[in-house]
Amino acid sequence: MTGEFEKREVRRCARRILHRDLVRVCRNIPIVLCGNKVDIKDRKVKAKGIVFHRKKNLNYDISAKSNYNFEKPFLWLARKLVGDPNLELVAMTALLLPEVKMDKNWQQQLENNLQEAQATGEN
């Protein structure tokens, strides 16, 4: 495998098989895909590029360095495990101060991209 396409196909098939095997063992297992490093403006994978998880609203763009959206995957998992879509976290975990400060315009663009990707997945 020398081509980038072949490598992508192998990774895509591996993810699909992993998901299939997990669901076979535990049918209702909650799974969240987190895309880290959204603080990097020229990142390779965009919200639209994650088709399977996007269709099922299971992906979150996060940044460990800036603490952006850090709590969202945990809140989603807690809501699924408890069975309460209105569950709220009462206190935020004490996080280290962000190493990177994300620009507010960039955060808004990420939110817009995610909303657009989710709308596309619903069609």
PDB file of N, CA and C in Angstrom:
ATOM      1  N   MET A   1       0.839  -1.179   0.000  1.00  0.00           N
ATOM      2  CA  MET A   1       0.000   0.000   0.000  1.00  0.00           C
ATOM      3  C   MET A   1       0.881   1.238   0.000  1.00  0.00           C
ATOM      4  N   THR A   2       0.916   1.877  -1.100  1.00  0.00           N
ATOM      5  CA  THR A   2       1.704   3.097  -1.171  1.00  0.00           C
ATOM      6  C   THR A   2       0.825   4.315  -1.368  1.00  0.00           C
ATOM      7  N   GLY A   3      -0.338   4.122  -1.934  1.00  0.00           N
ATOM      8  CA  GLY A   3      -1.215   5.256  -2.210  1.00  0.00           C
ATOM      9  C   GLY A   3      -1.977   5.709  -0.981  1.00  0.00           C
ATOM     10  N   GLU A   4      -2.214   7.003  -0.913  1.00  0.00           N
ATOM     11  CA  GLU A   4      -2.976   7.574   0.203  1.00  0.00           C
ATOM     12  C   GLU A   4      -4.407   7.048   0.201  1.00  0.00           C
ATOM     13  N   PHE A   5      -4.971   6.841  -0.992  1.00  0.00           N
ATOM     14  CA  PHE A   5      -6.331   6.316  -1.097  1.00  0.00           C
ATOM     15  C   PHE A   5      -6.435   4.944  -0.439  1.00  0.00           C
ATOM     16  N   GLU A   6      -5.462   4.058  -0.720  1.00  0.00           N
ATOM     17  CA  GLU A   6      -5.490   2.713  -0.145  1.00  0.00           C
ATOM     18  C   GLU A   6      -5.387   2.764   1.370  1.00  0.00           C
ATOM     19  N   LYS A   7      -4.524   3.627   1.875  1.00  0.00           N
ATOM     20  CA  LYS A   7      -4.381   3.760   3.329  1.00  0.00           C
ATOM     21  C   LYS A   7      -5.681   4.240   3.956  1.00  0.00           C
ATOM     22  N   ARG A   8      -6.323   5.210   3.304  1.00  0.00           N
ATOM     23  CA  ARG A   8      -7.599   5.719   3.826  1.00  0.00           C
ATOM     24  C   ARG A   8      -8.658   4.630   3.818  1.00  0.00           C
ATOM     25  N   GLU A   9      -8.702   3.843   2.748  1.00  0.00           N
ATOM     26  CA  GLU A   9      -9.686   2.768   2.646  1.00  0.00           C
ATOM     27  C   GLU A   9      -9.491   1.726   3.744  1.00  0.00           C
ATOM     28  N   VAL A  10      -8.252   1.367   4.014  1.00  0.00           N
ATOM     29  CA  VAL A  10      -7.965   0.395   5.074  1.00  0.00           C
ATOM     30  C   VAL A  10      -8.416   0.950   6.418  1.00  0.00           C
ATOM     31  N   ARG A  11      -8.098   2.217   6.690  1.00  0.00           N
ATOM     32  CA  ARG A  11      -8.518   2.824   7.964  1.00  0.00           C
ATOM     33  C   ARG A  11     -10.034   2.873   8.064  1.00  0.00           C
ATOM     34  N   ARG A  12     -10.694   3.230   6.953  1.00  0.00           N
ATOM     35  CA  ARG A  12     -12.150   3.322   6.951  1.00  0.00           C
ATOM     36  C   ARG A  12     -12.776   1.952   7.203  1.00  0.00           C
ATOM     37  N   CYS A  13     -12.276   0.928   6.540  1.00  0.00           N
ATOM     38  CA  CYS A  13     -12.790  -0.428   6.734  1.00  0.00           C
ATOM     39  C   CYS A  13     -12.534  -0.909   8.156  1.00  0.00           C
ATOM     40  N   ALA A  14     -11.361  -0.600   8.690  1.00  0.00           N
ATOM     41  CA  ALA A  14     -11.035  -1.011  10.058  1.00  0.00           C
ATOM     42  C   ALA A  14     -11.996  -0.365  11.050  1.00  0.00           C
ATOM     43  N   ARG A  15     -12.306   0.921  10.850  1.00  0.00           N
ATOM     44  CA  ARG A  15     -13.250   1.597  11.751  1.00  0.00           C
ATOM     45  C   ARG A  15     -14.629   0.969  11.657  1.00  0.00           C
ATOM     46  N   ARG A  16     -15.060   0.647  10.436  1.00  0.00           N
ATOM     47  CA  ARG A  16     -16.378   0.051  10.253  1.00  0.00           C
ATOM     48  C   ARG A  16     -16.443  -1.322  10.917  1.00  0.00           C
ATOM     49  N   ILE A  17     -15.393  -2.123  10.750  1.00  0.00           N
ATOM     50  CA  ILE A  17     -15.347  -3.455  11.358  1.00  0.00           C
ATOM     51  C   ILE A  17     -15.307  -3.339  12.876  1.00  0.00           C
ATOM     52  N   LEU A  18     -14.507  -2.411  13.401  1.00  0.00           N
ATOM     53  CA  LEU A  18     -14.441  -2.203  14.848  1.00  0.00           C
ATOM     54  C   LEU A  18     -15.811  -1.843  15.391  1.00  0.00           C
ATOM     55  N   HIS A  19     -16.507  -0.921  14.730  1.00  0.00           N
ATOM     56  CA  HIS A  19     -17.843  -0.532  15.179  1.00  0.00           C
ATOM     57  C   HIS A  19     -18.793  -1.718  15.112  1.00  0.00           C
ATOM     58  N   ARG A  20     -18.747  -2.469  14.007  1.00  0.00           N
ATOM     59  CA  ARG A  20     -19.628  -3.629  13.855  1.00  0.00           C
ATOM     60  C   ARG A  20     -19.388  -4.647  14.962  1.00  0.00           C
ATOM     61  N   ASP A  21     -18.118  -4.924  15.274  1.00  0.00           N
ATOM     62  CA  ASP A  21     -17.790  -5.897  16.313  1.00  0.00           C
ATOM     63  C   ASP A  21     -18.214  -5.410  17.692  1.00  0.00           C
ATOM     64  N   LEU A  22     -18.031  -4.124  17.975  1.00  0.00           N
ATOM     65  CA  LEU A  22     -18.472  -3.580  19.263  1.00  0.00           C
ATOM     66  C   LEU A  22     -19.979  -3.712  19.419  1.00  0.00           C
ATOM     67  N   VAL A  23     -20.710  -3.353  18.376  1.00  0.00           N
ATOM     68  CA  VAL A  23     -22.168  -3.406  18.429  1.00  0.00           C
ATOM     69  C   VAL A  23     -22.656  -4.847  18.518  1.00  0.00           C
ATOM     70  N   ARG A  24     -21.926  -5.776  17.922  1.00  0.00           N
ATOM     71  CA  ARG A  24     -22.311  -7.186  17.998  1.00  0.00           C
ATOM     72  C   ARG A  24     -22.215  -7.689  19.437  1.00  0.00           C
ATOM     73  N   VAL A  25     -21.189  -7.267  20.158  1.00  0.00           N
ATOM     74  CA  VAL A  25     -20.988  -7.707  21.542  1.00  0.00           C
ATOM     75  C   VAL A  25     -21.946  -6.991  22.486  1.00  0.00           C
ATOM     76  N   CYS A  26     -22.096  -5.714  22.300  1.00  0.00           N
ATOM     77  CA  CYS A  26     -22.980  -4.911  23.153  1.00  0.00           C
ATOM     78  C   CYS A  26     -23.800  -4.000  22.249  1.00  0.00           C
ATOM     79  N   ARG A  27     -25.003  -4.416  21.955  1.00  0.00           N
ATOM     80  CA  ARG A  27     -25.831  -3.751  20.954  1.00  0.00           C
ATOM     81  C   ARG A  27     -26.023  -2.257  21.219  1.00  0.00           C
ATOM     82  N   ASN A  28     -26.174  -1.860  22.445  1.00  0.00           N
ATOM     83  CA  ASN A  28     -26.482  -0.461  22.758  1.00  0.00           C
ATOM     84  C   ASN A  28     -25.299   0.302  23.335  1.00  0.00           C
ATOM     85  N   ILE A  29     -24.093  -0.064  22.969  1.00  0.00           N
ATOM     86  CA  ILE A  29     -22.921   0.609  23.515  1.00  0.00           C
ATOM     87  C   ILE A  29     -22.814   2.022  22.927  1.00  0.00           C
ATOM     88  N   PRO A  30     -22.736   3.036  23.786  1.00  0.00           N
ATOM     89  CA  PRO A  30     -22.583   4.393  23.258  1.00  0.00           C
ATOM     90  C   PRO A  30     -21.149   4.636  22.798  1.00  0.00           C
ATOM     91  N   ILE A  31     -21.000   5.204  21.619  1.00  0.00           N
ATOM     92  CA  ILE A  31     -19.687   5.465  21.035  1.00  0.00           C
ATOM     93  C   ILE A  31     -19.630   6.929  20.609  1.00  0.00           C
ATOM     94  N   VAL A  32     -18.548   7.596  20.965  1.00  0.00           N
ATOM     95  CA  VAL A  32     -18.342   8.991  20.572  1.00  0.00           C
ATOM     96  C   VAL A  32     -16.994   9.097  19.876  1.00  0.00           C
ATOM     97  N   LEU A  33     -16.965   9.814  18.779  1.00  0.00           N
ATOM     98  CA  LEU A  33     -15.719  10.086  18.077  1.00  0.00           C
ATOM     99  C   LEU A  33     -15.330  11.533  18.348  1.00  0.00           C
ATOM    100  N   CYS A  34     -14.130  11.733  18.889  1.00  0.00           N
ATOM    101  CA  CYS A  34     -13.655  13.084  19.189  1.00  0.00           C
ATOM    102  C   CYS A  34     -12.529  13.445  18.239  1.00  0.00           C
ATOM    103  N   GLY A  35     -12.696  14.554  17.568  1.00  0.00           N
ATOM    104  CA  GLY A  35     -11.639  15.083  16.713  1.00  0.00           C
ATOM    105  C   GLY A  35     -10.881  16.142  17.485  1.00  0.00           C
ATOM    106  N   ASN A  36      -9.649  15.852  17.842  1.00  0.00           N
ATOM    107  CA  ASN A  36      -8.840  16.775  18.639  1.00  0.00           C
ATOM    108  C   ASN A  36      -8.097  17.746  17.725  1.00  0.00           C
ATOM    109  N   LYS A  37      -7.507  18.727  18.325  1.00  0.00           N
ATOM    110  CA  LYS A  37      -6.651  19.722  17.655  1.00  0.00           C
ATOM    111  C   LYS A  37      -7.433  20.652  16.743  1.00  0.00           C
ATOM    112  N   VAL A  38      -8.666  20.995  17.113  1.00  0.00           N
ATOM    113  CA  VAL A  38      -9.419  21.938  16.291  1.00  0.00           C
ATOM    114  C   VAL A  38      -8.870  23.352  16.420  1.00  0.00           C
ATOM    115  N   ASP A  39      -7.946  23.555  17.346  1.00  0.00           N
ATOM    116  CA  ASP A  39      -7.313  24.867  17.455  1.00  0.00           C
ATOM    117  C   ASP A  39      -6.355  25.117  16.293  1.00  0.00           C
ATOM    118  N   ILE A  40      -6.022  24.072  15.545  1.00  0.00           N
ATOM    119  CA  ILE A  40      -5.145  24.202  14.377  1.00  0.00           C
ATOM    120  C   ILE A  40      -6.016  24.522  13.164  1.00  0.00           C
ATOM    121  N   LYS A  41      -5.787  25.658  12.558  1.00  0.00           N
ATOM    122  CA  LYS A  41      -6.667  26.120  11.485  1.00  0.00           C
ATOM    123  C   LYS A  41      -6.535  25.329  10.190  1.00  0.00           C
ATOM    124  N   ASP A  42      -5.395  24.720   9.934  1.00  0.00           N
ATOM    125  CA  ASP A  42      -5.235  23.960   8.689  1.00  0.00           C
ATOM    126  C   ASP A  42      -5.275  22.459   8.940  1.00  0.00           C
ATOM    127  N   ARG A  43      -6.187  22.034   9.780  1.00  0.00           N
ATOM    128  CA  ARG A  43      -6.287  20.616  10.107  1.00  0.00           C
ATOM    129  C   ARG A  43      -6.745  19.805   8.905  1.00  0.00           C
ATOM    130  N   LYS A  44      -6.444  18.525   8.935  1.00  0.00           N
ATOM    131  CA  LYS A  44      -6.687  17.661   7.781  1.00  0.00           C
ATOM    132  C   LYS A  44      -8.125  17.146   7.712  1.00  0.00           C
ATOM    133  N   VAL A  45      -8.713  16.791   8.852  1.00  0.00           N
ATOM    134  CA  VAL A  45     -10.053  16.206   8.867  1.00  0.00           C
ATOM    135  C   VAL A  45     -11.042  17.249   9.369  1.00  0.00           C
ATOM    136  N   LYS A  46     -12.040  17.526   8.574  1.00  0.00           N
ATOM    137  CA  LYS A  46     -13.074  18.489   8.933  1.00  0.00           C
ATOM    138  C   LYS A  46     -14.307  17.731   9.416  1.00  0.00           C
ATOM    139  N   ALA A  47     -15.232  18.439  10.067  1.00  0.00           N
ATOM    140  CA  ALA A  47     -16.457  17.812  10.575  1.00  0.00           C
ATOM    141  C   ALA A  47     -17.231  17.116   9.460  1.00  0.00           C
ATOM    142  N   LYS A  48     -17.245  17.703   8.268  1.00  0.00           N
ATOM    143  CA  LYS A  48     -17.963  17.101   7.140  1.00  0.00           C
ATOM    144  C   LYS A  48     -17.343  15.788   6.688  1.00  0.00           C
ATOM    145  N   GLY A  49     -16.063  15.591   6.963  1.00  0.00           N
ATOM    146  CA  GLY A  49     -15.352  14.419   6.481  1.00  0.00           C
ATOM    147  C   GLY A  49     -15.619  13.151   7.261  1.00  0.00           C
ATOM    148  N   ILE A  50     -16.310  13.242   8.358  1.00  0.00           N
ATOM    149  CA  ILE A  50     -16.563  12.077   9.207  1.00  0.00           C
ATOM    150  C   ILE A  50     -18.006  11.647   8.970  1.00  0.00           C
ATOM    151  N   VAL A  51     -18.226  10.910   7.908  1.00  0.00           N
ATOM    152  CA  VAL A  51     -19.568  10.633   7.417  1.00  0.00           C
ATOM    153  C   VAL A  51     -20.368   9.758   8.371  1.00  0.00           C
ATOM    154  N   PHE A  52     -19.837   8.606   8.757  1.00  0.00           N
ATOM    155  CA  PHE A  52     -20.609   7.658   9.566  1.00  0.00           C
ATOM    156  C   PHE A  52     -21.048   8.275  10.889  1.00  0.00           C
ATOM    157  N   HIS A  53     -20.091   8.809  11.642  1.00  0.00           N
ATOM    158  CA  HIS A  53     -20.426   9.376  12.946  1.00  0.00           C
ATOM    159  C   HIS A  53     -21.252  10.649  12.807  1.00  0.00           C
ATOM    160  N   ARG A  54     -21.020  11.413  11.747  1.00  0.00           N
ATOM    161  CA  ARG A  54     -21.783  12.641  11.524  1.00  0.00           C
ATOM    162  C   ARG A  54     -23.258  12.310  11.304  1.00  0.00           C
ATOM    163  N   LYS A  55     -23.540  11.241  10.554  1.00  0.00           N
ATOM    164  CA  LYS A  55     -24.925  10.857  10.288  1.00  0.00           C
ATOM    165  C   LYS A  55     -25.659  10.491  11.569  1.00  0.00           C
ATOM    166  N   LYS A  56     -24.930   9.988  12.537  1.00  0.00           N
ATOM    167  CA  LYS A  56     -25.549   9.573  13.790  1.00  0.00           C
ATOM    168  C   LYS A  56     -25.319  10.580  14.917  1.00  0.00           C
ATOM    169  N   ASN A  57     -24.796  11.767  14.584  1.00  0.00           N
ATOM    170  CA  ASN A  57     -24.522  12.820  15.572  1.00  0.00           C
ATOM    171  C   ASN A  57     -23.649  12.334  16.713  1.00  0.00           C
ATOM    172  N   LEU A  58     -22.580  11.620  16.396  1.00  0.00           N
ATOM    173  CA  LEU A  58     -21.711  11.050  17.418  1.00  0.00           C
ATOM    174  C   LEU A  58     -20.319  11.660  17.438  1.00  0.00           C
ATOM    175  N   ASN A  59     -20.125  12.765  16.749  1.00  0.00           N
ATOM    176  CA  ASN A  59     -18.772  13.310  16.717  1.00  0.00           C
ATOM    177  C   ASN A  59     -18.709  14.689  17.363  1.00  0.00           C
ATOM    178  N   TYR A  60     -17.580  14.959  18.004  1.00  0.00           N
ATOM    179  CA  TYR A  60     -17.344  16.252  18.635  1.00  0.00           C
ATOM    180  C   TYR A  60     -15.954  16.732  18.286  1.00  0.00           C
ATOM    181  N   ASP A  61     -15.861  17.975  17.892  1.00  0.00           N
ATOM    182  CA  ASP A  61     -14.571  18.609  17.674  1.00  0.00           C
ATOM    183  C   ASP A  61     -14.130  19.214  18.993  1.00  0.00           C
ATOM    184  N   ILE A  62     -12.956  18.821  19.454  1.00  0.00           N
ATOM    185  CA  ILE A  62     -12.451  19.319  20.730  1.00  0.00           C
ATOM    186  C   ILE A  62     -11.013  19.804  20.566  1.00  0.00           C
ATOM    187  N   SER A  63     -10.544  20.515  21.575  1.00  0.00           N
ATOM    188  CA  SER A  63      -9.139  20.911  21.636  1.00  0.00           C
ATOM    189  C   SER A  63      -8.678  20.740  23.074  1.00  0.00           C
ATOM    190  N   ALA A  64      -7.769  19.819  23.275  1.00  0.00           N
ATOM    191  CA  ALA A  64      -7.232  19.595  24.618  1.00  0.00           C
ATOM    192  C   ALA A  64      -6.405  20.789  25.080  1.00  0.00           C
ATOM    193  N   LYS A  65      -5.737  21.443  24.150  1.00  0.00           N
ATOM    194  CA  LYS A  65      -4.873  22.567  24.520  1.00  0.00           C
ATOM    195  C   LYS A  65      -5.651  23.822  24.891  1.00  0.00           C
ATOM    196  N   SER A  66      -6.830  24.015  24.309  1.00  0.00           N
ATOM    197  CA  SER A  66      -7.602  25.222  24.617  1.00  0.00           C
ATOM    198  C   SER A  66      -8.839  24.925  25.468  1.00  0.00           C
ATOM    199  N   ASN A  67      -9.067  23.643  25.791  1.00  0.00           N
ATOM    200  CA  ASN A  67     -10.242  23.192  26.550  1.00  0.00           C
ATOM    201  C   ASN A  67     -11.556  23.417  25.791  1.00  0.00           C
ATOM    202  N   TYR A  68     -11.497  23.599  24.489  1.00  0.00           N
ATOM    203  CA  TYR A  68     -12.683  23.850  23.675  1.00  0.00           C
ATOM    204  C   TYR A  68     -13.516  22.576  23.553  1.00  0.00           C
ATOM    205  N   ASN A  69     -14.795  22.672  23.933  1.00  0.00           N
ATOM    206  CA  ASN A  69     -15.754  21.558  23.858  1.00  0.00           C
ATOM    207  C   ASN A  69     -15.319  20.336  24.659  1.00  0.00           C
ATOM    208  N   PHE A  70     -14.436  20.526  25.599  1.00  0.00           N
ATOM    209  CA  PHE A  70     -13.874  19.410  26.349  1.00  0.00           C
ATOM    210  C   PHE A  70     -14.946  18.556  27.024  1.00  0.00           C
ATOM    211  N   GLU A  71     -15.998  19.190  27.531  1.00  0.00           N
ATOM    212  CA  GLU A  71     -17.014  18.480  28.308  1.00  0.00           C
ATOM    213  C   GLU A  71     -18.085  17.810  27.450  1.00  0.00           C
ATOM    214  N   LYS A  72     -18.229  18.199  26.196  1.00  0.00           N
ATOM    215  CA  LYS A  72     -19.357  17.729  25.382  1.00  0.00           C
ATOM    216  C   LYS A  72     -19.424  16.217  25.194  1.00  0.00           C
ATOM    217  N   PRO A  73     -18.329  15.520  24.868  1.00  0.00           N
ATOM    218  CA  PRO A  73     -18.454  14.065  24.722  1.00  0.00           C
ATOM    219  C   PRO A  73     -18.830  13.372  26.028  1.00  0.00           C
ATOM    220  N   PHE A  74     -18.335  13.897  27.145  1.00  0.00           N
ATOM    221  CA  PHE A  74     -18.668  13.303  28.444  1.00  0.00           C
ATOM    222  C   PHE A  74     -20.140  13.518  28.776  1.00  0.00           C
ATOM    223  N   LEU A  75     -20.653  14.699  28.474  1.00  0.00           N
ATOM    224  CA  LEU A  75     -22.064  14.983  28.717  1.00  0.00           C
ATOM    225  C   LEU A  75     -22.937  14.087  27.846  1.00  0.00           C
ATOM    226  N   TRP A  76     -22.564  13.924  26.577  1.00  0.00           N
ATOM    227  CA  TRP A  76     -23.336  13.067  25.682  1.00  0.00           C
ATOM    228  C   TRP A  76     -23.367  11.629  26.203  1.00  0.00           C
ATOM    229  N   LEU A  77     -22.185  11.113  26.608  1.00  0.00           N
ATOM    230  CA  LEU A  77     -22.116   9.748  27.140  1.00  0.00           C
ATOM    231  C   LEU A  77     -22.936   9.604  28.414  1.00  0.00           C
ATOM    232  N   ALA A  78     -22.839  10.568  29.311  1.00  0.00           N
ATOM    233  CA  ALA A  78     -23.609  10.513  30.560  1.00  0.00           C
ATOM    234  C   ALA A  78     -25.104  10.492  30.265  1.00  0.00           C
ATOM    235  N   ARG A  79     -25.554  11.327  29.347  1.00  0.00           N
ATOM    236  CA  ARG A  79     -26.976  11.353  28.984  1.00  0.00           C
ATOM    237  C   ARG A  79     -27.423  10.010  28.416  1.00  0.00           C
ATOM    238  N   LYS A  80     -26.595   9.406  27.558  1.00  0.00           N
ATOM    239  CA  LYS A  80     -26.931   8.103  26.983  1.00  0.00           C
ATOM    240  C   LYS A  80     -26.977   7.017  28.052  1.00  0.00           C
ATOM    241  N   LEU A  81     -25.964   6.995  28.918  1.00  0.00           N
ATOM    242  CA  LEU A  81     -25.878   5.945  29.936  1.00  0.00           C
ATOM    243  C   LEU A  81     -27.000   6.047  30.960  1.00  0.00           C
ATOM    244  N   VAL A  82     -27.382   7.263  31.316  1.00  0.00           N
ATOM    245  CA  VAL A  82     -28.443   7.473  32.304  1.00  0.00           C
ATOM    246  C   VAL A  82     -29.820   7.396  31.651  1.00  0.00           C
ATOM    247  N   GLY A  83     -29.886   7.677  30.354  1.00  0.00           N
ATOM    248  CA  GLY A  83     -31.161   7.652  29.651  1.00  0.00           C
ATOM    249  C   GLY A  83     -31.950   8.936  29.810  1.00  0.00           C
ATOM    250  N   ASP A  84     -31.265  10.038  30.098  1.00  0.00           N
ATOM    251  CA  ASP A  84     -31.923  11.327  30.297  1.00  0.00           C
ATOM    252  C   ASP A  84     -31.300  12.363  29.359  1.00  0.00           C
ATOM    253  N   PRO A  85     -32.004  12.721  28.268  1.00  0.00           N
ATOM    254  CA  PRO A  85     -31.437  13.678  27.319  1.00  0.00           C
ATOM    255  C   PRO A  85     -31.289  15.088  27.880  1.00  0.00           C
ATOM    256  N   ASN A  86     -31.911  15.354  29.026  1.00  0.00           N
ATOM    257  CA  ASN A  86     -31.832  16.683  29.643  1.00  0.00           C
ATOM    258  C   ASN A  86     -30.819  16.759  30.776  1.00  0.00           C
ATOM    259  N   LEU A  87     -30.103  15.678  31.021  1.00  0.00           N
ATOM    260  CA  LEU A  87     -29.109  15.651  32.091  1.00  0.00           C
ATOM    261  C   LEU A  87     -28.086  16.764  31.895  1.00  0.00           C
ATOM    262  N   GLU A  88     -27.736  17.449  32.965  1.00  0.00           N
ATOM    263  CA  GLU A  88     -26.719  18.505  32.929  1.00  0.00           C
ATOM    264  C   GLU A  88     -25.635  18.177  33.941  1.00  0.00           C
ATOM    265  N   LEU A  89     -24.410  18.543  33.624  1.00  0.00           N
ATOM    266  CA  LEU A  89     -23.309  18.397  34.570  1.00  0.00           C
ATOM    267  C   LEU A  89     -23.368  19.574  35.532  1.00  0.00           C
ATOM    268  N   VAL A  90     -23.273  19.304  36.833  1.00  0.00           N
ATOM    269  CA  VAL A  90     -23.415  20.389  37.805  1.00  0.00           C
ATOM    270  C   VAL A  90     -22.127  21.160  38.031  1.00  0.00           C
ATOM    271  N   ALA A  91     -20.990  20.523  37.868  1.00  0.00           N
ATOM    272  CA  ALA A  91     -19.721  21.221  38.087  1.00  0.00           C
ATOM    273  C   ALA A  91     -18.717  20.772  37.038  1.00  0.00           C
ATOM    274  N   MET A  92     -17.984  21.717  36.540  1.00  0.00           N
ATOM    275  CA  MET A  92     -16.953  21.422  35.554  1.00  0.00           C
ATOM    276  C   MET A  92     -15.723  20.894  36.257  1.00  0.00           C
ATOM    277  N   THR A  93     -15.101  19.901  35.659  1.00  0.00           N
ATOM    278  CA  THR A  93     -13.853  19.368  36.181  1.00  0.00           C
ATOM    279  C   THR A  93     -12.802  20.468  36.171  1.00  0.00           C
ATOM    280  N   ALA A  94     -11.983  20.505  37.209  1.00  0.00           N
ATOM    281  CA  ALA A  94     -10.913  21.500  37.259  1.00  0.00           C
ATOM    282  C   ALA A  94      -9.881  21.166  36.189  1.00  0.00           C
ATOM    283  N   LEU A  95      -9.831  21.986  35.168  1.00  0.00           N
ATOM    284  CA  LEU A  95      -8.903  21.778  34.064  1.00  0.00           C
ATOM    285  C   LEU A  95      -7.695  22.684  34.231  1.00  0.00           C
ATOM    286  N   LEU A  96      -6.605  22.287  33.617  1.00  0.00           N
ATOM    287  CA  LEU A  96      -5.449  23.172  33.563  1.00  0.00           C
ATOM    288  C   LEU A  96      -5.805  24.372  32.699  1.00  0.00           C
ATOM    289  N   LEU A  97      -5.143  25.478  32.937  1.00  0.00           N
ATOM    290  CA  LEU A  97      -5.369  26.645  32.097  1.00  0.00           C
ATOM    291  C   LEU A  97      -5.019  26.296  30.656  1.00  0.00           C
ATOM    292  N   PRO A  98      -5.770  26.822  29.700  1.00  0.00           N
ATOM    293  CA  PRO A  98      -5.494  26.498  28.297  1.00  0.00           C
ATOM    294  C   PRO A  98      -4.087  26.906  27.885  1.00  0.00           C
ATOM    295  N   GLU A  99      -3.442  26.026  27.133  1.00  0.00           N
ATOM    296  CA  GLU A  99      -2.121  26.338  26.579  1.00  0.00           C
ATOM    297  C   GLU A  99      -2.252  27.226  25.352  1.00  0.00           C
ATOM    298  N   VAL A 100      -3.400  27.131  24.704  1.00  0.00           N
ATOM    299  CA  VAL A 100      -3.654  27.873  23.473  1.00  0.00           C
ATOM    300  C   VAL A 100      -4.944  28.650  23.649  1.00  0.00           C
ATOM    301  N   LYS A 101      -4.971  29.870  23.218  1.00  0.00           N
ATOM    302  CA  LYS A 101      -6.184  30.685  23.253  1.00  0.00           C
ATOM    303  C   LYS A 101      -6.805  30.651  21.861  1.00  0.00           C
ATOM    304  N   MET A 102      -8.029  30.137  21.777  1.00  0.00           N
ATOM    305  CA  MET A 102      -8.692  30.051  20.474  1.00  0.00           C
ATOM    306  C   MET A 102      -9.415  31.354  20.176  1.00  0.00           C
ATOM    307  N   ASP A 103      -9.268  31.821  18.968  1.00  0.00           N
ATOM    308  CA  ASP A 103      -9.919  33.021  18.488  1.00  0.00           C
ATOM    309  C   ASP A 103     -11.438  32.802  18.463  1.00  0.00           C
ATOM    310  N   LYS A 104     -12.203  33.783  18.931  1.00  0.00           N
ATOM    311  CA  LYS A 104     -13.674  33.665  18.970  1.00  0.00           C
ATOM    312  C   LYS A 104     -14.258  33.468  17.566  1.00  0.00           C
ATOM    313  N   ASN A 105     -13.682  34.139  16.574  1.00  0.00           N
ATOM    314  CA  ASN A 105     -14.165  33.963  15.198  1.00  0.00           C
ATOM    315  C   ASN A 105     -13.934  32.536  14.718  1.00  0.00           C
ATOM    316  N   TRP A 106     -12.793  31.952  15.084  1.00  0.00           N
ATOM    317  CA  TRP A 106     -12.487  30.571  14.707  1.00  0.00           C
ATOM    318  C   TRP A 106     -13.459  29.615  15.398  1.00  0.00           C
ATOM    319  N   GLN A 107     -13.771  29.866  16.668  1.00  0.00           N
ATOM    320  CA  GLN A 107     -14.735  29.030  17.385  1.00  0.00           C
ATOM    321  C   GLN A 107     -16.096  29.091  16.701  1.00  0.00           C
ATOM    322  N   GLN A 108     -16.517  30.297  16.303  1.00  0.00           N
ATOM    323  CA  GLN A 108     -17.803  30.448  15.629  1.00  0.00           C
ATOM    324  C   GLN A 108     -17.804  29.709  14.294  1.00  0.00           C
ATOM    325  N   GLN A 109     -16.693  29.769  13.575  1.00  0.00           N
ATOM    326  CA  GLN A 109     -16.590  29.055  12.302  1.00  0.00           C
ATOM    327  C   GLN A 109     -16.688  27.543  12.520  1.00  0.00           C
ATOM    328  N   LEU A 110     -16.059  27.036  13.581  1.00  0.00           N
ATOM    329  CA  LEU A 110     -16.149  25.607  13.896  1.00  0.00           C
ATOM    330  C   LEU A 110     -17.588  25.210  14.194  1.00  0.00           C
ATOM    331  N   GLU A 111     -18.290  26.041  14.979  1.00  0.00           N
ATOM    332  CA  GLU A 111     -19.694  25.760  15.295  1.00  0.00           C
ATOM    333  C   GLU A 111     -20.540  25.749  14.020  1.00  0.00           C
ATOM    334  N   ASN A 112     -20.311  26.715  13.147  1.00  0.00           N
ATOM    335  CA  ASN A 112     -21.052  26.771  11.880  1.00  0.00           C
ATOM    336  C   ASN A 112     -20.763  25.546  11.018  1.00  0.00           C
ATOM    337  N   ASN A 113     -19.494  25.131  10.951  1.00  0.00           N
ATOM    338  CA  ASN A 113     -19.124  23.940  10.181  1.00  0.00           C
ATOM    339  C   ASN A 113     -19.809  22.700  10.729  1.00  0.00           C
ATOM    340  N   LEU A 114     -19.860  22.576  12.053  1.00  0.00           N
ATOM    341  CA  LEU A 114     -20.503  21.419  12.672  1.00  0.00           C
ATOM    342  C   LEU A 114     -21.997  21.407  12.378  1.00  0.00           C
ATOM    343  N   GLN A 115     -22.650  22.565  12.508  1.00  0.00           N
ATOM    344  CA  GLN A 115     -24.082  22.632  12.215  1.00  0.00           C
ATOM    345  C   GLN A 115     -24.364  22.279  10.759  1.00  0.00           C
ATOM    346  N   GLU A 116     -23.523  22.780   9.859  1.00  0.00           N
ATOM    347  CA  GLU A 116     -23.679  22.468   8.438  1.00  0.00           C
ATOM    348  C   GLU A 116     -23.475  20.974   8.178  1.00  0.00           C
ATOM    349  N   ALA A 117     -22.479  20.389   8.828  1.00  0.00           N
ATOM    350  CA  ALA A 117     -22.206  18.959   8.662  1.00  0.00           C
ATOM    351  C   ALA A 117     -23.362  18.128   9.193  1.00  0.00           C
ATOM    352  N   GLN A 118     -23.918  18.523  10.339  1.00  0.00           N
ATOM    353  CA  GLN A 118     -25.045  17.781  10.909  1.00  0.00           C
ATOM    354  C   GLN A 118     -26.273  17.902  10.023  1.00  0.00           C
ATOM    355  N   ALA A 119     -26.506  19.079   9.465  1.00  0.00           N
ATOM    356  CA  ALA A 119     -27.647  19.267   8.568  1.00  0.00           C
ATOM    357  C   ALA A 119     -27.488  18.416   7.310  1.00  0.00           C
ATOM    358  N   THR A 120     -26.273  18.317   6.807  1.00  0.00           N
ATOM    359  CA  THR A 120     -25.998  17.492   5.632  1.00  0.00           C
ATOM    360  C   THR A 120     -26.224  16.024   5.949  1.00  0.00           C
ATOM    361  N   GLY A 121     -25.873  15.597   7.155  1.00  0.00           N
ATOM    362  CA  GLY A 121     -26.025  14.202   7.562  1.00  0.00           C
ATOM    363  C   GLY A 121     -27.466  13.788   7.728  1.00  0.00           C
ATOM    364  N   GLU A 122     -28.335  14.744   7.997  1.00  0.00           N
ATOM    365  CA  GLU A 122     -29.745  14.423   8.194  1.00  0.00           C
ATOM    366  C   GLU A 122     -30.454  14.163   6.883  1.00  0.00           C
ATOM    367  N   ASN A 123     -29.886  14.644   5.787  1.00  0.00           N
ATOM    368  CA  ASN A 123     -30.526  14.472   4.474  1.00  0.00           C
ATOM    369  C   ASN A 123     -30.333  13.091   3.936  1.00  0.00           C
TER     370      ASN A 123
END
